[in-house]
Amino acid sequence: MPQYINIRGARAILRHLRLVWASLWSDAALLYRKEMGLDILSSTMAVLVQEMIEGKISGIAFGKNPDNDSEAKTSARKGKAKAAPGKPFWARSSRRS
């Protein structure tokens, strides 16, 4: 899913929100869900909008590990948020409580 950072103004935020929602139906997203055995038609997405702060490490958290329902996955790397979780600088899996 795409990430957008440093977006300013209500109109721009709404435009980018729609772009992220639309990406749920991108070729890559559809292929991923097919490969993972996920039901394509029942897929949903939440979009997080938050104030940007200057940080040293960026991360991403998945509420559900597609490979193991009892785990949540987190991944982080040095740098700004646009450094997505492709090859994490470090990664950790943790059990849900």
N, C-alpha and C. Protein backbone atom coordinates (compact mmCIF):
# COMPACT_ATOMS: atom_id res chain seq x y z
N MET A 1 0.84 -1.17 0.00
CA MET A 1 0.00 0.00 0.00
C MET A 1 0.89 1.24 0.00
N PRO A 2 0.46 2.24 -0.70
CA PRO A 2 1.29 3.45 -0.76
C PRO A 2 1.29 4.20 0.56
N GLN A 3 2.35 4.94 0.76
CA GLN A 3 2.47 5.82 1.92
C GLN A 3 2.71 7.23 1.40
N TYR A 4 2.09 8.17 2.05
CA TYR A 4 2.30 9.57 1.71
C TYR A 4 2.66 10.31 2.99
N ILE A 5 3.70 11.11 2.92
CA ILE A 5 4.12 11.86 4.10
C ILE A 5 4.18 13.34 3.76
N ASN A 6 4.11 14.15 4.80
CA ASN A 6 4.17 15.62 4.67
C ASN A 6 3.07 16.19 3.79
N ILE A 7 1.87 15.63 3.88
CA ILE A 7 0.72 16.14 3.14
C ILE A 7 0.09 17.24 3.99
N ARG A 8 -0.18 18.37 3.36
CA ARG A 8 -0.72 19.51 4.10
C ARG A 8 -2.04 19.98 3.51
N GLY A 9 -2.99 20.30 4.38
CA GLY A 9 -4.28 20.82 3.97
C GLY A 9 -5.34 19.74 3.82
N ALA A 10 -6.57 20.08 4.16
CA ALA A 10 -7.68 19.12 4.17
C ALA A 10 -7.92 18.50 2.80
N ARG A 11 -7.92 19.31 1.75
CA ARG A 11 -8.16 18.77 0.40
C ARG A 11 -7.09 17.77 0.00
N ALA A 12 -5.85 18.11 0.25
CA ALA A 12 -4.75 17.20 -0.10
C ALA A 12 -4.82 15.91 0.71
N ILE A 13 -5.16 16.02 1.98
CA ILE A 13 -5.29 14.84 2.83
C ILE A 13 -6.40 13.93 2.29
N LEU A 14 -7.55 14.49 1.95
CA LEU A 14 -8.65 13.68 1.42
C LEU A 14 -8.28 13.04 0.08
N ARG A 15 -7.57 13.77 -0.77
CA ARG A 15 -7.15 13.23 -2.07
C ARG A 15 -6.23 12.03 -1.86
N HIS A 16 -5.29 12.17 -0.96
CA HIS A 16 -4.35 11.07 -0.70
C HIS A 16 -5.03 9.91 0.03
N LEU A 17 -5.99 10.20 0.87
CA LEU A 17 -6.77 9.16 1.52
C LEU A 17 -7.46 8.29 0.47
N ARG A 18 -8.06 8.94 -0.53
CA ARG A 18 -8.72 8.19 -1.62
C ARG A 18 -7.71 7.35 -2.41
N LEU A 19 -6.51 7.88 -2.63
CA LEU A 19 -5.49 7.12 -3.35
C LEU A 19 -5.10 5.85 -2.59
N VAL A 20 -4.97 5.98 -1.27
CA VAL A 20 -4.63 4.80 -0.47
C VAL A 20 -5.76 3.79 -0.51
N TRP A 21 -7.01 4.24 -0.32
CA TRP A 21 -8.15 3.32 -0.38
C TRP A 21 -8.21 2.62 -1.74
N ALA A 22 -7.99 3.36 -2.82
CA ALA A 22 -8.05 2.77 -4.16
C ALA A 22 -6.97 1.71 -4.35
N SER A 23 -5.85 1.85 -3.65
CA SER A 23 -4.76 0.90 -3.82
C SER A 23 -5.13 -0.51 -3.32
N LEU A 24 -6.21 -0.63 -2.55
CA LEU A 24 -6.69 -1.94 -2.12
C LEU A 24 -7.00 -2.81 -3.33
N TRP A 25 -7.31 -2.18 -4.47
CA TRP A 25 -7.69 -2.91 -5.68
C TRP A 25 -6.61 -2.84 -6.75
N SER A 26 -5.39 -2.48 -6.37
CA SER A 26 -4.29 -2.46 -7.34
C SER A 26 -3.91 -3.89 -7.71
N ASP A 27 -3.24 -4.04 -8.84
CA ASP A 27 -2.79 -5.37 -9.28
C ASP A 27 -1.94 -6.04 -8.21
N ALA A 28 -1.02 -5.27 -7.63
CA ALA A 28 -0.12 -5.84 -6.62
C ALA A 28 -0.89 -6.31 -5.39
N ALA A 29 -1.86 -5.51 -4.94
CA ALA A 29 -2.63 -5.88 -3.76
C ALA A 29 -3.51 -7.10 -4.02
N LEU A 30 -4.10 -7.16 -5.20
CA LEU A 30 -4.93 -8.31 -5.56
C LEU A 30 -4.08 -9.58 -5.65
N LEU A 31 -2.92 -9.48 -6.27
CA LEU A 31 -2.03 -10.63 -6.39
C LEU A 31 -1.56 -11.10 -5.01
N TYR A 32 -1.21 -10.15 -4.15
CA TYR A 32 -0.77 -10.49 -2.79
C TYR A 32 -1.86 -11.28 -2.07
N ARG A 33 -3.09 -10.79 -2.10
CA ARG A 33 -4.18 -11.47 -1.40
C ARG A 33 -4.43 -12.85 -2.00
N LYS A 34 -4.33 -12.95 -3.32
CA LYS A 34 -4.51 -14.25 -3.97
C LYS A 34 -3.43 -15.23 -3.52
N GLU A 35 -2.16 -14.78 -3.52
CA GLU A 35 -1.05 -15.63 -3.10
C GLU A 35 -1.15 -16.05 -1.64
N MET A 36 -1.71 -15.17 -0.81
CA MET A 36 -1.85 -15.46 0.63
C MET A 36 -3.11 -16.27 0.92
N GLY A 37 -3.94 -16.51 -0.09
CA GLY A 37 -5.18 -17.25 0.11
C GLY A 37 -6.25 -16.46 0.83
N LEU A 38 -6.18 -15.14 0.75
CA LEU A 38 -7.16 -14.28 1.41
C LEU A 38 -8.34 -14.04 0.49
N ASP A 39 -9.52 -13.89 1.06
CA ASP A 39 -10.72 -13.61 0.28
C ASP A 39 -10.66 -12.18 -0.26
N ILE A 40 -10.54 -12.08 -1.56
CA ILE A 40 -10.36 -10.77 -2.20
C ILE A 40 -11.56 -9.87 -1.98
N LEU A 41 -12.77 -10.42 -2.08
CA LEU A 41 -13.98 -9.58 -1.99
C LEU A 41 -14.29 -9.11 -0.58
N SER A 42 -13.79 -9.81 0.44
CA SER A 42 -14.08 -9.37 1.81
C SER A 42 -12.93 -8.56 2.41
N SER A 43 -11.94 -8.23 1.62
CA SER A 43 -10.81 -7.45 2.12
C SER A 43 -11.24 -6.03 2.45
N THR A 44 -10.68 -5.51 3.51
CA THR A 44 -10.95 -4.14 3.93
C THR A 44 -9.64 -3.44 4.25
N MET A 45 -9.72 -2.14 4.43
CA MET A 45 -8.52 -1.38 4.73
C MET A 45 -8.86 -0.24 5.68
N ALA A 46 -7.97 -0.01 6.59
CA ALA A 46 -8.03 1.18 7.44
C ALA A 46 -6.87 2.07 7.04
N VAL A 47 -7.06 3.36 7.12
CA VAL A 47 -6.01 4.31 6.77
C VAL A 47 -5.74 5.17 7.99
N LEU A 48 -4.48 5.26 8.35
CA LEU A 48 -4.08 6.06 9.49
C LEU A 48 -3.58 7.41 9.01
N VAL A 49 -4.12 8.46 9.59
CA VAL A 49 -3.66 9.83 9.31
C VAL A 49 -3.17 10.39 10.63
N GLN A 50 -1.93 10.83 10.65
CA GLN A 50 -1.40 11.37 11.89
C GLN A 50 -0.43 12.51 11.60
N GLU A 51 -0.22 13.30 12.61
CA GLU A 51 0.72 14.41 12.50
C GLU A 51 2.13 13.87 12.31
N MET A 52 2.86 14.47 11.40
CA MET A 52 4.24 14.06 11.13
C MET A 52 5.16 14.68 12.16
N ILE A 53 6.02 13.85 12.73
CA ILE A 53 7.04 14.34 13.65
C ILE A 53 8.40 13.90 13.12
N GLU A 54 9.43 14.59 13.51
CA GLU A 54 10.78 14.21 13.11
C GLU A 54 11.22 13.03 13.97
N GLY A 55 11.63 11.96 13.35
CA GLY A 55 12.05 10.78 14.08
C GLY A 55 13.30 10.17 13.49
N LYS A 56 13.88 9.25 14.23
CA LYS A 56 15.08 8.57 13.77
C LYS A 56 14.78 7.21 13.17
N ILE A 57 13.65 6.61 13.57
CA ILE A 57 13.28 5.29 13.10
C ILE A 57 11.83 5.32 12.65
N SER A 58 11.53 4.66 11.54
CA SER A 58 10.16 4.53 11.05
C SER A 58 9.74 3.08 11.16
N GLY A 59 8.46 2.85 11.31
CA GLY A 59 8.01 1.47 11.45
C GLY A 59 6.63 1.26 10.89
N ILE A 60 6.27 0.01 10.85
CA ILE A 60 4.94 -0.38 10.41
C ILE A 60 4.50 -1.55 11.28
N ALA A 61 3.23 -1.60 11.59
CA ALA A 61 2.70 -2.70 12.41
C ALA A 61 1.52 -3.32 11.68
N PHE A 62 1.51 -4.62 11.63
CA PHE A 62 0.38 -5.36 11.05
C PHE A 62 -0.40 -5.94 12.21
N GLY A 63 -1.69 -5.67 12.26
CA GLY A 63 -2.51 -6.17 13.36
C GLY A 63 -2.69 -7.67 13.34
N LYS A 64 -2.49 -8.29 12.17
CA LYS A 64 -2.66 -9.73 12.06
C LYS A 64 -1.62 -10.27 11.09
N ASN A 65 -0.89 -11.26 11.52
CA ASN A 65 0.07 -11.93 10.66
C ASN A 65 -0.69 -12.90 9.77
N PRO A 66 -0.67 -12.72 8.44
CA PRO A 66 -1.41 -13.63 7.56
C PRO A 66 -0.93 -15.08 7.66
N ASP A 67 0.29 -15.28 8.14
CA ASP A 67 0.83 -16.63 8.27
C ASP A 67 0.48 -17.30 9.59
N ASN A 68 0.10 -16.51 10.60
CA ASN A 68 -0.16 -17.05 11.93
C ASN A 68 -1.10 -16.10 12.65
N ASP A 69 -2.36 -16.50 12.80
CA ASP A 69 -3.39 -15.63 13.40
C ASP A 69 -3.07 -15.19 14.82
N SER A 70 -2.19 -15.90 15.52
CA SER A 70 -1.91 -15.55 16.91
C SER A 70 -0.80 -14.52 17.04
N GLU A 71 -0.27 -14.03 15.92
CA GLU A 71 0.82 -13.08 15.97
C GLU A 71 0.46 -11.76 15.31
N ALA A 72 1.09 -10.72 15.81
CA ALA A 72 1.09 -9.42 15.14
C ALA A 72 2.53 -9.17 14.71
N LYS A 73 2.73 -8.52 13.61
CA LYS A 73 4.09 -8.28 13.10
C LYS A 73 4.41 -6.79 13.18
N THR A 74 5.64 -6.50 13.52
CA THR A 74 6.13 -5.13 13.47
C THR A 74 7.45 -5.12 12.72
N SER A 75 7.71 -4.03 12.04
CA SER A 75 8.95 -3.90 11.29
C SER A 75 9.38 -2.44 11.34
N ALA A 76 10.67 -2.20 11.48
CA ALA A 76 11.17 -0.82 11.56
C ALA A 76 12.52 -0.73 10.88
N ARG A 77 12.87 0.48 10.49
CA ARG A 77 14.19 0.74 9.92
C ARG A 77 14.57 2.17 10.18
N LYS A 78 15.86 2.43 10.10
CA LYS A 78 16.34 3.79 10.28
C LYS A 78 15.85 4.64 9.11
N GLY A 79 15.48 5.88 9.40
CA GLY A 79 15.09 6.80 8.35
C GLY A 79 13.65 7.21 8.44
N LYS A 80 13.20 7.98 7.43
CA LYS A 80 11.84 8.49 7.41
C LYS A 80 10.85 7.44 6.97
N ALA A 81 9.56 7.74 7.15
CA ALA A 81 8.49 6.78 6.90
C ALA A 81 8.47 6.26 5.48
N LYS A 82 8.99 7.01 4.51
CA LYS A 82 8.94 6.51 3.14
C LYS A 82 9.83 5.30 2.95
N ALA A 83 10.68 5.01 3.93
CA ALA A 83 11.50 3.80 3.89
C ALA A 83 10.64 2.64 4.38
N ALA A 84 9.77 2.16 3.52
CA ALA A 84 8.77 1.15 3.86
C ALA A 84 9.41 -0.17 4.28
N PRO A 85 8.59 -1.13 4.68
CA PRO A 85 9.13 -2.34 5.29
C PRO A 85 9.69 -3.38 4.33
N GLY A 86 10.09 -3.02 3.12
CA GLY A 86 10.60 -3.99 2.17
C GLY A 86 11.68 -4.89 2.76
N LYS A 87 12.79 -4.31 3.18
CA LYS A 87 13.86 -5.05 3.85
C LYS A 87 14.07 -4.38 5.20
N PRO A 88 13.41 -4.88 6.24
CA PRO A 88 13.48 -4.20 7.53
C PRO A 88 14.90 -4.14 8.08
N PHE A 89 15.19 -3.04 8.73
CA PHE A 89 16.47 -2.89 9.41
C PHE A 89 16.51 -3.86 10.58
N TRP A 90 15.40 -4.00 11.25
CA TRP A 90 15.20 -5.07 12.22
C TRP A 90 13.72 -5.40 12.24
N ALA A 91 13.39 -6.57 12.61
CA ALA A 91 11.98 -7.00 12.65
C ALA A 91 11.75 -7.83 13.89
N ARG A 92 10.57 -7.77 14.38
CA ARG A 92 10.22 -8.52 15.58
C ARG A 92 8.79 -9.02 15.44
N SER A 93 8.54 -10.24 15.85
CA SER A 93 7.19 -10.76 15.94
C SER A 93 6.85 -10.88 17.42
N SER A 94 5.62 -10.58 17.75
CA SER A 94 5.21 -10.70 19.14
C SER A 94 3.83 -11.33 19.22
N ARG A 95 3.61 -12.06 20.28
CA ARG A 95 2.31 -12.70 20.49
C ARG A 95 1.27 -11.69 20.94
N ARG A 96 0.07 -11.85 20.43
CA ARG A 96 -1.04 -11.01 20.92
C ARG A 96 -1.45 -11.49 22.29
N SER A 97 -1.92 -10.55 23.11
CA SER A 97 -2.42 -10.97 24.42
C SER A 97 -3.92 -10.96 24.42
